[in-house]
Amino acid sequence: MGKAAVNKYQYKQFAATRLMYPPVRYSPDSTHIGYMTSATGQLNLWSVPSGGVWPGS
């Protein structure tokens, strides 16, 4: 039996998983900040309270 192929990843592939993409914007009532990030490994739109407290904290 042959050896299984092993993927060799480069640093830039790991570093790219935590990027935030512009634009970062306030909601119309200024209670939340919306932004896009790939923190989960997939590009998503996020909204966090603008008061500085993460939900559930």
N, C-alpha and C. Protein backbone atom coordinates (compact mmCIF):
# COMPACT_ATOMS: atom_id res chain seq x y z
N MET A 1 0.83 -1.19 0.00
CA MET A 1 0.00 0.00 0.00
C MET A 1 0.88 1.25 0.00
N GLY A 2 0.44 2.25 -0.75
CA GLY A 2 1.18 3.51 -0.81
C GLY A 2 0.79 4.44 0.33
N LYS A 3 1.60 5.44 0.50
CA LYS A 3 1.31 6.42 1.54
C LYS A 3 0.21 7.37 1.07
N ALA A 4 -0.59 7.82 2.01
CA ALA A 4 -1.64 8.79 1.70
C ALA A 4 -1.01 10.15 1.45
N ALA A 5 -1.57 10.88 0.51
CA ALA A 5 -1.06 12.22 0.20
C ALA A 5 -1.35 13.16 1.37
N VAL A 6 -0.39 13.99 1.70
CA VAL A 6 -0.53 14.95 2.78
C VAL A 6 -0.49 16.35 2.19
N ASN A 7 -1.52 17.13 2.47
CA ASN A 7 -1.54 18.52 1.99
C ASN A 7 -0.58 19.36 2.81
N LYS A 8 0.19 20.16 2.14
CA LYS A 8 1.08 21.10 2.82
C LYS A 8 0.50 22.49 2.67
N TYR A 9 0.07 23.05 3.78
CA TYR A 9 -0.54 24.36 3.77
C TYR A 9 0.49 25.44 4.04
N GLN A 10 0.28 26.59 3.44
CA GLN A 10 1.16 27.72 3.66
C GLN A 10 0.58 28.62 4.74
N TYR A 11 1.43 29.42 5.37
CA TYR A 11 0.99 30.31 6.44
C TYR A 11 -0.13 31.24 5.99
N LYS A 12 -0.05 31.77 4.77
CA LYS A 12 -1.05 32.73 4.31
C LYS A 12 -2.44 32.11 4.23
N GLN A 13 -2.53 30.79 4.07
CA GLN A 13 -3.83 30.14 4.06
C GLN A 13 -4.47 30.15 5.44
N PHE A 14 -3.69 30.05 6.50
CA PHE A 14 -4.22 30.10 7.86
C PHE A 14 -4.48 31.54 8.29
N ALA A 15 -3.62 32.45 7.92
CA ALA A 15 -3.77 33.85 8.30
C ALA A 15 -5.01 34.47 7.67
N ALA A 16 -5.43 33.97 6.54
CA ALA A 16 -6.57 34.55 5.82
C ALA A 16 -7.91 34.19 6.46
N THR A 17 -7.92 33.34 7.47
CA THR A 17 -9.20 32.91 8.05
C THR A 17 -9.76 33.89 9.08
N ARG A 18 -9.04 34.91 9.45
CA ARG A 18 -9.52 35.86 10.45
C ARG A 18 -9.56 37.29 9.93
N LEU A 19 -9.79 37.45 8.67
CA LEU A 19 -9.80 38.79 8.09
C LEU A 19 -11.17 39.43 8.20
N MET A 20 -11.18 40.73 8.41
CA MET A 20 -12.42 41.50 8.37
C MET A 20 -12.40 42.30 7.08
N TYR A 21 -13.51 42.33 6.41
CA TYR A 21 -13.59 43.00 5.12
C TYR A 21 -14.41 44.28 5.25
N PRO A 22 -13.94 45.36 4.65
CA PRO A 22 -14.75 46.57 4.67
C PRO A 22 -16.00 46.34 3.82
N PRO A 23 -17.04 47.01 4.02
CA PRO A 23 -17.20 48.11 4.97
C PRO A 23 -17.68 47.63 6.34
N VAL A 24 -17.26 48.33 7.36
CA VAL A 24 -17.78 48.15 8.72
C VAL A 24 -18.72 49.33 8.93
N ARG A 25 -19.96 49.05 9.28
CA ARG A 25 -20.96 50.10 9.36
C ARG A 25 -21.82 50.00 10.61
N TYR A 26 -22.27 51.16 11.08
CA TYR A 26 -23.25 51.22 12.16
C TYR A 26 -24.64 50.95 11.58
N SER A 27 -25.51 50.38 12.40
CA SER A 27 -26.91 50.22 12.01
C SER A 27 -27.56 51.60 11.97
N PRO A 28 -28.71 51.75 11.30
CA PRO A 28 -29.34 53.07 11.22
C PRO A 28 -29.62 53.70 12.59
N ASP A 29 -29.90 52.89 13.61
CA ASP A 29 -30.16 53.44 14.95
C ASP A 29 -28.91 53.48 15.84
N SER A 30 -27.76 53.14 15.28
CA SER A 30 -26.45 53.17 15.96
C SER A 30 -26.33 52.21 17.14
N THR A 31 -27.18 51.21 17.23
CA THR A 31 -27.10 50.25 18.34
C THR A 31 -26.23 49.04 18.02
N HIS A 32 -25.94 48.81 16.74
CA HIS A 32 -25.14 47.67 16.32
C HIS A 32 -24.12 48.08 15.27
N ILE A 33 -23.07 47.26 15.17
CA ILE A 33 -22.06 47.43 14.13
C ILE A 33 -22.08 46.17 13.28
N GLY A 34 -22.18 46.34 11.98
CA GLY A 34 -22.18 45.21 11.06
C GLY A 34 -20.85 45.12 10.34
N TYR A 35 -20.38 43.90 10.14
CA TYR A 35 -19.12 43.69 9.43
C TYR A 35 -19.10 42.29 8.83
N MET A 36 -18.22 42.08 7.87
CA MET A 36 -18.03 40.77 7.27
C MET A 36 -16.68 40.22 7.70
N THR A 37 -16.66 38.94 8.04
CA THR A 37 -15.41 38.30 8.43
C THR A 37 -15.46 36.82 8.06
N SER A 38 -14.30 36.23 7.97
CA SER A 38 -14.21 34.80 7.71
C SER A 38 -13.68 34.07 8.93
N ALA A 39 -14.04 34.56 10.12
CA ALA A 39 -13.55 33.98 11.38
C ALA A 39 -13.97 32.52 11.54
N THR A 40 -15.08 32.13 10.95
CA THR A 40 -15.55 30.75 11.06
C THR A 40 -15.04 29.86 9.93
N GLY A 41 -14.26 30.45 9.03
CA GLY A 41 -13.78 29.70 7.87
C GLY A 41 -14.63 29.94 6.64
N GLN A 42 -15.75 30.64 6.82
CA GLN A 42 -16.63 30.98 5.71
C GLN A 42 -17.00 32.44 5.87
N LEU A 43 -17.06 33.17 4.79
CA LEU A 43 -17.39 34.59 4.86
C LEU A 43 -18.83 34.76 5.33
N ASN A 44 -19.01 35.52 6.42
CA ASN A 44 -20.33 35.76 7.00
C ASN A 44 -20.49 37.22 7.35
N LEU A 45 -21.74 37.65 7.42
CA LEU A 45 -22.08 38.99 7.88
C LEU A 45 -22.41 38.88 9.37
N TRP A 46 -21.80 39.73 10.18
CA TRP A 46 -21.99 39.71 11.63
C TRP A 46 -22.52 41.05 12.10
N SER A 47 -23.23 41.03 13.21
CA SER A 47 -23.73 42.24 13.84
C SER A 47 -23.46 42.11 15.34
N VAL A 48 -22.82 43.11 15.90
CA VAL A 48 -22.53 43.10 17.34
C VAL A 48 -23.02 44.42 17.95
N PRO A 49 -23.37 44.41 19.24
CA PRO A 49 -23.82 45.65 19.88
C PRO A 49 -22.71 46.70 19.86
N SER A 50 -23.07 47.92 19.62
CA SER A 50 -22.07 48.99 19.58
C SER A 50 -21.66 49.45 20.97
N GLY A 51 -22.35 48.96 22.00
CA GLY A 51 -22.01 49.33 23.38
C GLY A 51 -20.80 48.62 23.94
N GLY A 52 -20.25 47.66 23.21
CA GLY A 52 -19.02 47.00 23.64
C GLY A 52 -19.21 45.72 24.40
N VAL A 53 -20.43 45.23 24.55
CA VAL A 53 -20.69 43.98 25.27
C VAL A 53 -21.16 42.93 24.29
N TRP A 54 -20.50 41.78 24.29
CA TRP A 54 -20.89 40.69 23.41
C TRP A 54 -22.20 40.08 23.90
N PRO A 55 -23.13 39.73 23.02
CA PRO A 55 -24.40 39.15 23.46
C PRO A 55 -24.20 37.92 24.34
N GLY A 56 -24.94 37.82 25.40
CA GLY A 56 -24.84 36.68 26.31
C GLY A 56 -23.77 36.84 27.37
N SER A 57 -23.04 37.96 27.37
CA SER A 57 -21.98 38.15 28.36
C SER A 57 -22.55 38.71 29.65
